[in-house]
Each structure stands twice: as C-alpha cells, then as structure tokens.
Amino acid sequence: MLTVVAVLKAKEGREKEMEEAMRKVVPQVAAEEGTLRYVLHRAKKDPTKFLFYEQYTDKQALGAHSSTPYFLEMFGAIAPFLDGNPSIEVYEEIASIPPKG
C-alpha cells in the first residue's frame, strides 16, 4: 500500500476558492479502482494550508489516479490560487493497526 501526503497552500484571501475546487474532485475519486482513502483536510492554525491524505493499493493505482481528467482539471483550477508549489510525498506502509469502527 502507498500513502500520499500532499500539502498545498492558498494565497491569502483565495482559500475558499481553492477549497471549493479541491472538494469537487473528492466524490469522483471514490469510484477509482485501487484508491482506498482520499481525504481533504484544512489546517486548524492556518486556514490557507490544506492537506490531502491518500492511500492506494499500489503504484499503478496511484498512476491511474494522477492521470484522470478530473484530477488534471483540479490542478488547472487551483493553479491561480496556489501560494508556491505543493509538497507531495509518497510513503510505503511498513506497519499498522486495523481500522476501527
């Protein structure tokens, strides 16, 4: 399993527009084969900072997600709102507890 942590910062005053553009892609990602989790977060202390927490079954699933038209459209839509480049890191799971609830 692969986990992606993407941190994106909005320009001051453009937070709402960026959030709306990113929210739109979440329901579409739900139908992807191999995408296990796709969660959008906003920082409590800094409303301009957003985090995507994503989990994929494997490298192919991540590649498929990254090449979907709606993913590419989202990045085009948020480009004018971004303050700098996103920080995107990919992690490989090495230990975990089973999901609760």
PDB file of N, CA and C in Angstrom:
ATOM      1  N   MET A   1       0.841  -1.176   0.000  1.00  0.00           N
ATOM      2  CA  MET A   1       0.000   0.000   0.000  1.00  0.00           C
ATOM      3  C   MET A   1       0.886   1.238   0.000  1.00  0.00           C
ATOM      4  N   LEU A   2       0.448   2.254  -0.739  1.00  0.00           N
ATOM      5  CA  LEU A   2       1.145   3.534  -0.794  1.00  0.00           C
ATOM      6  C   LEU A   2       0.272   4.616  -0.182  1.00  0.00           C
ATOM      7  N   THR A   3       0.909   5.518   0.548  1.00  0.00           N
ATOM      8  CA  THR A   3       0.224   6.670   1.119  1.00  0.00           C
ATOM      9  C   THR A   3       0.845   7.924   0.533  1.00  0.00           C
ATOM     10  N   VAL A   4       0.001   8.847   0.129  1.00  0.00           N
ATOM     11  CA  VAL A   4       0.452  10.135  -0.394  1.00  0.00           C
ATOM     12  C   VAL A   4      -0.012  11.215   0.568  1.00  0.00           C
ATOM     13  N   VAL A   5       0.914  12.108   0.919  1.00  0.00           N
ATOM     14  CA  VAL A   5       0.590  13.277   1.735  1.00  0.00           C
ATOM     15  C   VAL A   5       0.950  14.495   0.892  1.00  0.00           C
ATOM     16  N   ALA A   6      -0.069  15.251   0.536  1.00  0.00           N
ATOM     17  CA  ALA A   6       0.124  16.444  -0.296  1.00  0.00           C
ATOM     18  C   ALA A   6      -0.309  17.666   0.501  1.00  0.00           C
ATOM     19  N   VAL A   7       0.592  18.622   0.643  1.00  0.00           N
ATOM     20  CA  VAL A   7       0.295  19.858   1.360  1.00  0.00           C
ATOM     21  C   VAL A   7       0.302  20.995   0.344  1.00  0.00           C
ATOM     22  N   LEU A   8      -0.800  21.757   0.342  1.00  0.00           N
ATOM     23  CA  LEU A   8      -0.968  22.859  -0.595  1.00  0.00           C
ATOM     24  C   LEU A   8      -1.328  24.112   0.179  1.00  0.00           C
ATOM     25  N   LYS A   9      -0.768  25.234  -0.223  1.00  0.00           N
ATOM     26  CA  LYS A   9      -1.039  26.495   0.460  1.00  0.00           C
ATOM     27  C   LYS A   9      -1.715  27.449  -0.516  1.00  0.00           C
ATOM     28  N   ALA A  10      -2.806  28.037  -0.066  1.00  0.00           N
ATOM     29  CA  ALA A  10      -3.539  29.005  -0.873  1.00  0.00           C
ATOM     30  C   ALA A  10      -2.995  30.409  -0.629  1.00  0.00           C
ATOM     31  N   LYS A  11      -3.096  31.233  -1.642  1.00  0.00           N
ATOM     32  CA  LYS A  11      -2.774  32.647  -1.463  1.00  0.00           C
ATOM     33  C   LYS A  11      -3.787  33.239  -0.487  1.00  0.00           C
ATOM     34  N   GLU A  12      -3.328  34.175   0.303  1.00  0.00           N
ATOM     35  CA  GLU A  12      -4.196  34.863   1.269  1.00  0.00           C
ATOM     36  C   GLU A  12      -5.429  35.409   0.557  1.00  0.00           C
ATOM     37  N   GLY A  13      -6.612  35.082   1.075  1.00  0.00           N
ATOM     38  CA  GLY A  13      -7.853  35.546   0.507  1.00  0.00           C
ATOM     39  C   GLY A  13      -8.432  34.647  -0.587  1.00  0.00           C
ATOM     40  N   ARG A  14      -7.694  33.616  -0.995  1.00  0.00           N
ATOM     41  CA  ARG A  14      -8.155  32.715  -2.055  1.00  0.00           C
ATOM     42  C   ARG A  14      -8.485  31.325  -1.512  1.00  0.00           C
ATOM     43  N   GLU A  15      -8.511  31.186  -0.181  1.00  0.00           N
ATOM     44  CA  GLU A  15      -8.713  29.891   0.464  1.00  0.00           C
ATOM     45  C   GLU A  15     -10.030  29.232   0.059  1.00  0.00           C
ATOM     46  N   LYS A  16     -11.097  30.003   0.063  1.00  0.00           N
ATOM     47  CA  LYS A  16     -12.430  29.458  -0.224  1.00  0.00           C
ATOM     48  C   LYS A  16     -12.496  28.907  -1.647  1.00  0.00           C
ATOM     49  N   GLU A  17     -11.974  29.668  -2.595  1.00  0.00           N
ATOM     50  CA  GLU A  17     -11.991  29.226  -3.990  1.00  0.00           C
ATOM     51  C   GLU A  17     -11.180  27.952  -4.177  1.00  0.00           C
ATOM     52  N   MET A  18     -10.025  27.891  -3.525  1.00  0.00           N
ATOM     53  CA  MET A  18      -9.182  26.704  -3.640  1.00  0.00           C
ATOM     54  C   MET A  18      -9.866  25.500  -3.006  1.00  0.00           C
ATOM     55  N   GLU A  19     -10.455  25.713  -1.841  1.00  0.00           N
ATOM     56  CA  GLU A  19     -11.165  24.620  -1.171  1.00  0.00           C
ATOM     57  C   GLU A  19     -12.297  24.081  -2.048  1.00  0.00           C
ATOM     58  N   GLU A  20     -13.063  24.953  -2.628  1.00  0.00           N
ATOM     59  CA  GLU A  20     -14.180  24.525  -3.471  1.00  0.00           C
ATOM     60  C   GLU A  20     -13.698  23.701  -4.661  1.00  0.00           C
ATOM     61  N   ALA A  21     -12.621  24.129  -5.289  1.00  0.00           N
ATOM     62  CA  ALA A  21     -12.077  23.399  -6.441  1.00  0.00           C
ATOM     63  C   ALA A  21     -11.570  22.014  -6.025  1.00  0.00           C
ATOM     64  N   MET A  22     -10.961  21.925  -4.859  1.00  0.00           N
ATOM     65  CA  MET A  22     -10.437  20.630  -4.400  1.00  0.00           C
ATOM     66  C   MET A  22     -11.558  19.711  -3.928  1.00  0.00           C
ATOM     67  N   ARG A  23     -12.575  20.263  -3.293  1.00  0.00           N
ATOM     68  CA  ARG A  23     -13.714  19.458  -2.833  1.00  0.00           C
ATOM     69  C   ARG A  23     -14.408  18.738  -3.989  1.00  0.00           C
ATOM     70  N   LYS A  24     -14.488  19.397  -5.143  1.00  0.00           N
ATOM     71  CA  LYS A  24     -15.198  18.847  -6.293  1.00  0.00           C
ATOM     72  C   LYS A  24     -14.638  17.508  -6.758  1.00  0.00           C
ATOM     73  N   VAL A  25     -13.352  17.301  -6.587  1.00  0.00           N
ATOM     74  CA  VAL A  25     -12.726  16.080  -7.101  1.00  0.00           C
ATOM     75  C   VAL A  25     -12.961  14.876  -6.171  1.00  0.00           C
ATOM     76  N   VAL A  26     -13.210  15.108  -4.904  1.00  0.00           N
ATOM     77  CA  VAL A  26     -13.318  14.018  -3.927  1.00  0.00           C
ATOM     78  C   VAL A  26     -14.384  12.986  -4.302  1.00  0.00           C
ATOM     79  N   PRO A  27     -15.616  13.366  -4.629  1.00  0.00           N
ATOM     80  CA  PRO A  27     -16.611  12.352  -4.998  1.00  0.00           C
ATOM     81  C   PRO A  27     -16.229  11.557  -6.247  1.00  0.00           C
ATOM     82  N   GLN A  28     -15.532  12.185  -7.166  1.00  0.00           N
ATOM     83  CA  GLN A  28     -15.115  11.494  -8.380  1.00  0.00           C
ATOM     84  C   GLN A  28     -14.057  10.436  -8.085  1.00  0.00           C
ATOM     85  N   VAL A  29     -13.187  10.725  -7.148  1.00  0.00           N
ATOM     86  CA  VAL A  29     -12.115   9.793  -6.792  1.00  0.00           C
ATOM     87  C   VAL A  29     -12.690   8.529  -6.149  1.00  0.00           C
ATOM     88  N   ALA A  30     -13.844   8.636  -5.522  1.00  0.00           N
ATOM     89  CA  ALA A  30     -14.462   7.487  -4.833  1.00  0.00           C
ATOM     90  C   ALA A  30     -14.673   6.299  -5.753  1.00  0.00           C
ATOM     91  N   ALA A  31     -14.860   6.524  -7.036  1.00  0.00           N
ATOM     92  CA  ALA A  31     -15.127   5.440  -7.980  1.00  0.00           C
ATOM     93  C   ALA A  31     -13.851   4.789  -8.530  1.00  0.00           C
ATOM     94  N   GLU A  32     -12.701   5.313  -8.182  1.00  0.00           N
ATOM     95  CA  GLU A  32     -11.452   4.774  -8.722  1.00  0.00           C
ATOM     96  C   GLU A  32     -11.120   3.404  -8.138  1.00  0.00           C
ATOM     97  N   GLU A  33     -10.744   2.505  -9.004  1.00  0.00           N
ATOM     98  CA  GLU A  33     -10.265   1.187  -8.587  1.00  0.00           C
ATOM     99  C   GLU A  33      -8.872   1.377  -7.985  1.00  0.00           C
ATOM    100  N   GLY A  34      -8.662   0.849  -6.800  1.00  0.00           N
ATOM    101  CA  GLY A  34      -7.337   0.923  -6.195  1.00  0.00           C
ATOM    102  C   GLY A  34      -7.094   2.125  -5.310  1.00  0.00           C
ATOM    103  N   THR A  35      -8.040   3.064  -5.265  1.00  0.00           N
ATOM    104  CA  THR A  35      -7.922   4.187  -4.338  1.00  0.00           C
ATOM    105  C   THR A  35      -8.682   3.809  -3.077  1.00  0.00           C
ATOM    106  N   LEU A  36      -7.962   3.727  -1.965  1.00  0.00           N
ATOM    107  CA  LEU A  36      -8.548   3.259  -0.707  1.00  0.00           C
ATOM    108  C   LEU A  36      -9.034   4.405   0.184  1.00  0.00           C
ATOM    109  N   ARG A  37      -8.297   5.511   0.210  1.00  0.00           N
ATOM    110  CA  ARG A  37      -8.669   6.695   1.008  1.00  0.00           C
ATOM    111  C   ARG A  37      -8.263   7.936   0.248  1.00  0.00           C
ATOM    112  N   TYR A  38      -9.088   8.956   0.374  1.00  0.00           N
ATOM    113  CA  TYR A  38      -8.797  10.239  -0.259  1.00  0.00           C
ATOM    114  C   TYR A  38      -9.474  11.290   0.596  1.00  0.00           C
ATOM    115  N   VAL A  39      -8.712  11.915   1.474  1.00  0.00           N
ATOM    116  CA  VAL A  39      -9.280  12.803   2.489  1.00  0.00           C
ATOM    117  C   VAL A  39      -8.641  14.189   2.375  1.00  0.00           C
ATOM    118  N   LEU A  40      -9.479  15.208   2.300  1.00  0.00           N
ATOM    119  CA  LEU A  40      -9.018  16.590   2.256  1.00  0.00           C
ATOM    120  C   LEU A  40      -9.139  17.195   3.646  1.00  0.00           C
ATOM    121  N   HIS A  41      -8.069  17.835   4.103  1.00  0.00           N
ATOM    122  CA  HIS A  41      -8.029  18.482   5.425  1.00  0.00           C
ATOM    123  C   HIS A  41      -7.658  19.956   5.257  1.00  0.00           C
ATOM    124  N   ARG A  42      -8.040  20.763   6.255  1.00  0.00           N
ATOM    125  CA  ARG A  42      -7.589  22.153   6.349  1.00  0.00           C
ATOM    126  C   ARG A  42      -6.915  22.312   7.707  1.00  0.00           C
ATOM    127  N   ALA A  43      -5.808  23.012   7.745  1.00  0.00           N
ATOM    128  CA  ALA A  43      -5.075  23.223   8.997  1.00  0.00           C
ATOM    129  C   ALA A  43      -5.894  24.099   9.950  1.00  0.00           C
ATOM    130  N   LYS A  44      -5.933  23.715  11.207  1.00  0.00           N
ATOM    131  CA  LYS A  44      -6.669  24.482  12.214  1.00  0.00           C
ATOM    132  C   LYS A  44      -6.013  25.840  12.476  1.00  0.00           C
ATOM    133  N   LYS A  45      -4.674  25.876  12.487  1.00  0.00           N
ATOM    134  CA  LYS A  45      -3.972  27.110  12.825  1.00  0.00           C
ATOM    135  C   LYS A  45      -3.728  28.015  11.624  1.00  0.00           C
ATOM    136  N   ASP A  46      -3.858  27.476  10.415  1.00  0.00           N
ATOM    137  CA  ASP A  46      -3.581  28.257   9.211  1.00  0.00           C
ATOM    138  C   ASP A  46      -4.597  27.890   8.128  1.00  0.00           C
ATOM    139  N   PRO A  47      -5.669  28.668   7.978  1.00  0.00           N
ATOM    140  CA  PRO A  47      -6.729  28.326   7.026  1.00  0.00           C
ATOM    141  C   PRO A  47      -6.305  28.370   5.561  1.00  0.00           C
ATOM    142  N   THR A  48      -5.081  28.808   5.280  1.00  0.00           N
ATOM    143  CA  THR A  48      -4.588  28.808   3.901  1.00  0.00           C
ATOM    144  C   THR A  48      -3.907  27.480   3.557  1.00  0.00           C
ATOM    145  N   LYS A  49      -3.740  26.611   4.541  1.00  0.00           N
ATOM    146  CA  LYS A  49      -2.994  25.362   4.339  1.00  0.00           C
ATOM    147  C   LYS A  49      -3.949  24.171   4.282  1.00  0.00           C
ATOM    148  N   PHE A  50      -3.803  23.368   3.219  1.00  0.00           N
ATOM    149  CA  PHE A  50      -4.633  22.180   3.003  1.00  0.00           C
ATOM    150  C   PHE A  50      -3.754  20.951   2.885  1.00  0.00           C
ATOM    151  N   LEU A  51      -4.326  19.811   3.244  1.00  0.00           N
ATOM    152  CA  LEU A  51      -3.605  18.551   3.168  1.00  0.00           C
ATOM    153  C   LEU A  51      -4.514  17.481   2.578  1.00  0.00           C
ATOM    154  N   PHE A  52      -4.017  16.778   1.577  1.00  0.00           N
ATOM    155  CA  PHE A  52      -4.680  15.586   1.075  1.00  0.00           C
ATOM    156  C   PHE A  52      -3.965  14.385   1.676  1.00  0.00           C
ATOM    157  N   TYR A  53      -4.729  13.474   2.262  1.00  0.00           N
ATOM    158  CA  TYR A  53      -4.205  12.200   2.755  1.00  0.00           C
ATOM    159  C   TYR A  53      -4.821  11.138   1.864  1.00  0.00           C
ATOM    160  N   GLU A  54      -3.973  10.401   1.146  1.00  0.00           N
ATOM    161  CA  GLU A  54      -4.449   9.472   0.134  1.00  0.00           C
ATOM    162  C   GLU A  54      -3.791   8.106   0.322  1.00  0.00           C
ATOM    163  N   GLN A  55      -4.543   7.034   0.075  1.00  0.00           N
ATOM    164  CA  GLN A  55      -3.978   5.687   0.122  1.00  0.00           C
ATOM    165  C   GLN A  55      -4.405   4.920  -1.117  1.00  0.00           C
ATOM    166  N   TYR A  56      -3.430   4.209  -1.694  1.00  0.00           N
ATOM    167  CA  TYR A  56      -3.630   3.441  -2.920  1.00  0.00           C
ATOM    168  C   TYR A  56      -3.114   2.027  -2.731  1.00  0.00           C
ATOM    169  N   THR A  57      -3.721   1.093  -3.441  1.00  0.00           N
ATOM    170  CA  THR A  57      -3.296  -0.303  -3.330  1.00  0.00           C
ATOM    171  C   THR A  57      -1.874  -0.495  -3.828  1.00  0.00           C
ATOM    172  N   ASP A  58      -1.492   0.249  -4.865  1.00  0.00           N
ATOM    173  CA  ASP A  58      -0.158   0.079  -5.443  1.00  0.00           C
ATOM    174  C   ASP A  58       0.193   1.264  -6.337  1.00  0.00           C
ATOM    175  N   LYS A  59       1.380   1.192  -6.937  1.00  0.00           N
ATOM    176  CA  LYS A  59       1.889   2.261  -7.788  1.00  0.00           C
ATOM    177  C   LYS A  59       0.991   2.482  -9.009  1.00  0.00           C
ATOM    178  N   GLN A  60       0.437   1.417  -9.550  1.00  0.00           N
ATOM    179  CA  GLN A  60      -0.440   1.536 -10.720  1.00  0.00           C
ATOM    180  C   GLN A  60      -1.711   2.314 -10.377  1.00  0.00           C
ATOM    181  N   ALA A  61      -2.274   2.066  -9.206  1.00  0.00           N
ATOM    182  CA  ALA A  61      -3.480   2.789  -8.786  1.00  0.00           C
ATOM    183  C   ALA A  61      -3.179   4.277  -8.616  1.00  0.00           C
ATOM    184  N   LEU A  62      -2.034   4.591  -8.044  1.00  0.00           N
ATOM    185  CA  LEU A  62      -1.631   5.992  -7.892  1.00  0.00           C
ATOM    186  C   LEU A  62      -1.440   6.633  -9.257  1.00  0.00           C
ATOM    187  N   GLY A  63      -0.805   5.931 -10.169  1.00  0.00           N
ATOM    188  CA  GLY A  63      -0.606   6.448 -11.518  1.00  0.00           C
ATOM    189  C   GLY A  63      -1.920   6.683 -12.244  1.00  0.00           C
ATOM    190  N   ALA A  64      -2.856   5.749 -12.086  1.00  0.00           N
ATOM    191  CA  ALA A  64      -4.171   5.897 -12.721  1.00  0.00           C
ATOM    192  C   ALA A  64      -4.891   7.125 -12.170  1.00  0.00           C
ATOM    193  N   HIS A  65      -4.843   7.295 -10.854  1.00  0.00           N
ATOM    194  CA  HIS A  65      -5.482   8.462 -10.225  1.00  0.00           C
ATOM    195  C   HIS A  65      -4.885   9.760 -10.762  1.00  0.00           C
ATOM    196  N   SER A  66      -3.567   9.815 -10.803  1.00  0.00           N
ATOM    197  CA  SER A  66      -2.867  11.038 -11.193  1.00  0.00           C
ATOM    198  C   SER A  66      -3.090  11.431 -12.645  1.00  0.00           C
ATOM    199  N   SER A  67      -3.579  10.516 -13.453  1.00  0.00           N
ATOM    200  CA  SER A  67      -3.773  10.826 -14.872  1.00  0.00           C
ATOM    201  C   SER A  67      -5.247  10.986 -15.260  1.00  0.00           C
ATOM    202  N   THR A  68      -6.156  10.967 -14.289  1.00  0.00           N
ATOM    203  CA  THR A  68      -7.576  11.141 -14.620  1.00  0.00           C
ATOM    204  C   THR A  68      -7.840  12.584 -15.069  1.00  0.00           C
ATOM    205  N   PRO A  69      -8.799  12.767 -15.961  1.00  0.00           N
ATOM    206  CA  PRO A  69      -9.116  14.132 -16.423  1.00  0.00           C
ATOM    207  C   PRO A  69      -9.533  15.063 -15.288  1.00  0.00           C
ATOM    208  N   TYR A  70     -10.316  14.566 -14.332  1.00  0.00           N
ATOM    209  CA  TYR A  70     -10.786  15.446 -13.251  1.00  0.00           C
ATOM    210  C   TYR A  70      -9.661  15.836 -12.302  1.00  0.00           C
ATOM    211  N   PHE A  71      -8.662  14.975 -12.114  1.00  0.00           N
ATOM    212  CA  PHE A  71      -7.503  15.326 -11.287  1.00  0.00           C
ATOM    213  C   PHE A  71      -6.707  16.438 -11.982  1.00  0.00           C
ATOM    214  N   LEU A  72      -6.460  16.266 -13.274  1.00  0.00           N
ATOM    215  CA  LEU A  72      -5.725  17.273 -14.036  1.00  0.00           C
ATOM    216  C   LEU A  72      -6.499  18.592 -14.088  1.00  0.00           C
ATOM    217  N   GLU A  73      -7.816  18.520 -14.226  1.00  0.00           N
ATOM    218  CA  GLU A  73      -8.653  19.727 -14.214  1.00  0.00           C
ATOM    219  C   GLU A  73      -8.554  20.451 -12.875  1.00  0.00           C
ATOM    220  N   MET A  74      -8.546  19.675 -11.772  1.00  0.00           N
ATOM    221  CA  MET A  74      -8.449  20.284 -10.450  1.00  0.00           C
ATOM    222  C   MET A  74      -7.160  21.083 -10.332  1.00  0.00           C
ATOM    223  N   PHE A  75      -6.043  20.503 -10.766  1.00  0.00           N
ATOM    224  CA  PHE A  75      -4.775  21.228 -10.655  1.00  0.00           C
ATOM    225  C   PHE A  75      -4.779  22.469 -11.538  1.00  0.00           C
ATOM    226  N   GLY A  76      -5.424  22.406 -12.679  1.00  0.00           N
ATOM    227  CA  GLY A  76      -5.562  23.597 -13.512  1.00  0.00           C
ATOM    228  C   GLY A  76      -6.403  24.663 -12.833  1.00  0.00           C
ATOM    229  N   ALA A  77      -7.465  24.224 -12.163  1.00  0.00           N
ATOM    230  CA  ALA A  77      -8.368  25.165 -11.486  1.00  0.00           C
ATOM    231  C   ALA A  77      -7.720  25.832 -10.284  1.00  0.00           C
ATOM    232  N   ILE A  78      -6.895  25.107  -9.540  1.00  0.00           N
ATOM    233  CA  ILE A  78      -6.304  25.682  -8.324  1.00  0.00           C
ATOM    234  C   ILE A  78      -5.003  26.443  -8.594  1.00  0.00           C
ATOM    235  N   ALA A  79      -4.434  26.293  -9.779  1.00  0.00           N
ATOM    236  CA  ALA A  79      -3.151  26.943 -10.085  1.00  0.00           C
ATOM    237  C   ALA A  79      -3.134  28.435  -9.737  1.00  0.00           C
ATOM    238  N   PRO A  80      -4.170  29.220 -10.081  1.00  0.00           N
ATOM    239  CA  PRO A  80      -4.119  30.649  -9.752  1.00  0.00           C
ATOM    240  C   PRO A  80      -4.219  30.944  -8.251  1.00  0.00           C
ATOM    241  N   PHE A  81      -4.656  29.968  -7.473  1.00  0.00           N
ATOM    242  CA  PHE A  81      -4.849  30.179  -6.034  1.00  0.00           C
ATOM    243  C   PHE A  81      -3.662  29.707  -5.196  1.00  0.00           C
ATOM    244  N   LEU A  82      -2.745  28.953  -5.796  1.00  0.00           N
ATOM    245  CA  LEU A  82      -1.626  28.374  -5.052  1.00  0.00           C
ATOM    246  C   LEU A  82      -0.586  29.416  -4.664  1.00  0.00           C
ATOM    247  N   ASP A  83      -0.121  29.304  -3.427  1.00  0.00           N
ATOM    248  CA  ASP A  83       0.986  30.114  -2.927  1.00  0.00           C
ATOM    249  C   ASP A  83       2.200  29.189  -2.885  1.00  0.00           C
ATOM    250  N   GLY A  84       2.948  29.137  -3.960  1.00  0.00           N
ATOM    251  CA  GLY A  84       4.099  28.242  -4.047  1.00  0.00           C
ATOM    252  C   GLY A  84       3.704  26.880  -4.586  1.00  0.00           C
ATOM    253  N   ASN A  85       4.684  25.996  -4.651  1.00  0.00           N
ATOM    254  CA  ASN A  85       4.456  24.642  -5.153  1.00  0.00           C
ATOM    255  C   ASN A  85       3.934  23.736  -4.055  1.00  0.00           C
ATOM    256  N   PRO A  86       3.053  22.799  -4.409  1.00  0.00           N
ATOM    257  CA  PRO A  86       2.599  21.816  -3.417  1.00  0.00           C
ATOM    258  C   PRO A  86       3.769  20.935  -2.976  1.00  0.00           C
ATOM    259  N   SER A  87       3.686  20.454  -1.768  1.00  0.00           N
ATOM    260  CA  SER A  87       4.637  19.464  -1.258  1.00  0.00           C
ATOM    261  C   SER A  87       3.937  18.115  -1.328  1.00  0.00           C
ATOM    262  N   ILE A  88       4.472  17.196  -2.123  1.00  0.00           N
ATOM    263  CA  ILE A  88       3.845  15.894  -2.303  1.00  0.00           C
ATOM    264  C   ILE A  88       4.858  14.811  -1.969  1.00  0.00           C
ATOM    265  N   GLU A  89       4.516  13.979  -0.993  1.00  0.00           N
ATOM    266  CA  GLU A  89       5.402  12.893  -0.568  1.00  0.00           C
ATOM    267  C   GLU A  89       4.654  11.580  -0.651  1.00  0.00           C
ATOM    268  N   VAL A  90       5.361  10.535  -1.097  1.00  0.00           N
ATOM    269  CA  VAL A  90       4.787   9.201  -1.196  1.00  0.00           C
ATOM    270  C   VAL A  90       5.483   8.320  -0.165  1.00  0.00           C
ATOM    271  N   TYR A  91       4.669   7.597   0.599  1.00  0.00           N
ATOM    272  CA  TYR A  91       5.174   6.711   1.647  1.00  0.00           C
ATOM    273  C   TYR A  91       4.721   5.280   1.382  1.00  0.00           C
ATOM    274  N   GLU A  92       5.550   4.344   1.791  1.00  0.00           N
ATOM    275  CA  GLU A  92       5.208   2.928   1.715  1.00  0.00           C
ATOM    276  C   GLU A  92       4.878   2.452   3.125  1.00  0.00           C
ATOM    277  N   GLU A  93       3.736   1.800   3.280  1.00  0.00           N
ATOM    278  CA  GLU A  93       3.326   1.325   4.605  1.00  0.00           C
ATOM    279  C   GLU A  93       4.220   0.187   5.058  1.00  0.00           C
ATOM    280  N   ILE A  94       4.662   0.266   6.310  1.00  0.00           N
ATOM    281  CA  ILE A  94       5.502  -0.810   6.860  1.00  0.00           C
ATOM    282  C   ILE A  94       4.907  -1.451   8.111  1.00  0.00           C
ATOM    283  N   ALA A  95       3.957  -0.791   8.761  1.00  0.00           N
ATOM    284  CA  ALA A  95       3.275  -1.369   9.934  1.00  0.00           C
ATOM    285  C   ALA A  95       2.013  -0.569  10.191  1.00  0.00           C
ATOM    286  N   SER A  96       0.958  -1.233  10.709  1.00  0.00           N
ATOM    287  CA  SER A  96      -0.282  -0.521  11.003  1.00  0.00           C
ATOM    288  C   SER A  96      -1.160  -1.351  11.933  1.00  0.00           C
ATOM    289  N   ILE A  97      -2.208  -0.699  12.438  1.00  0.00           N
ATOM    290  CA  ILE A  97      -3.250  -1.402  13.164  1.00  0.00           C
ATOM    291  C   ILE A  97      -4.457  -1.462  12.243  1.00  0.00           C
ATOM    292  N   PRO A  98      -5.358  -2.430  12.418  1.00  0.00           N
ATOM    293  CA  PRO A  98      -6.534  -2.483  11.550  1.00  0.00           C
ATOM    294  C   PRO A  98      -7.477  -1.312  11.834  1.00  0.00           C
ATOM    295  N   PRO A  99      -8.233  -0.868  10.809  1.00  0.00           N
ATOM    296  CA  PRO A  99      -9.189   0.214  11.026  1.00  0.00           C
ATOM    297  C   PRO A  99     -10.198  -0.145  12.124  1.00  0.00           C
ATOM    298  N   LYS A 100     -10.572   0.847  12.913  1.00  0.00           N
ATOM    299  CA  LYS A 100     -11.537   0.643  13.996  1.00  0.00           C
ATOM    300  C   LYS A 100     -12.892   1.187  13.588  1.00  0.00           C
ATOM    301  N   GLY A 101     -13.920   0.569  14.110  1.00  0.00           N
ATOM    302  CA  GLY A 101     -15.258   1.082  13.911  1.00  0.00           C
ATOM    303  C   GLY A 101     -15.845   0.611  12.664  1.00  0.00           C
TER     304      GLY A 101
END
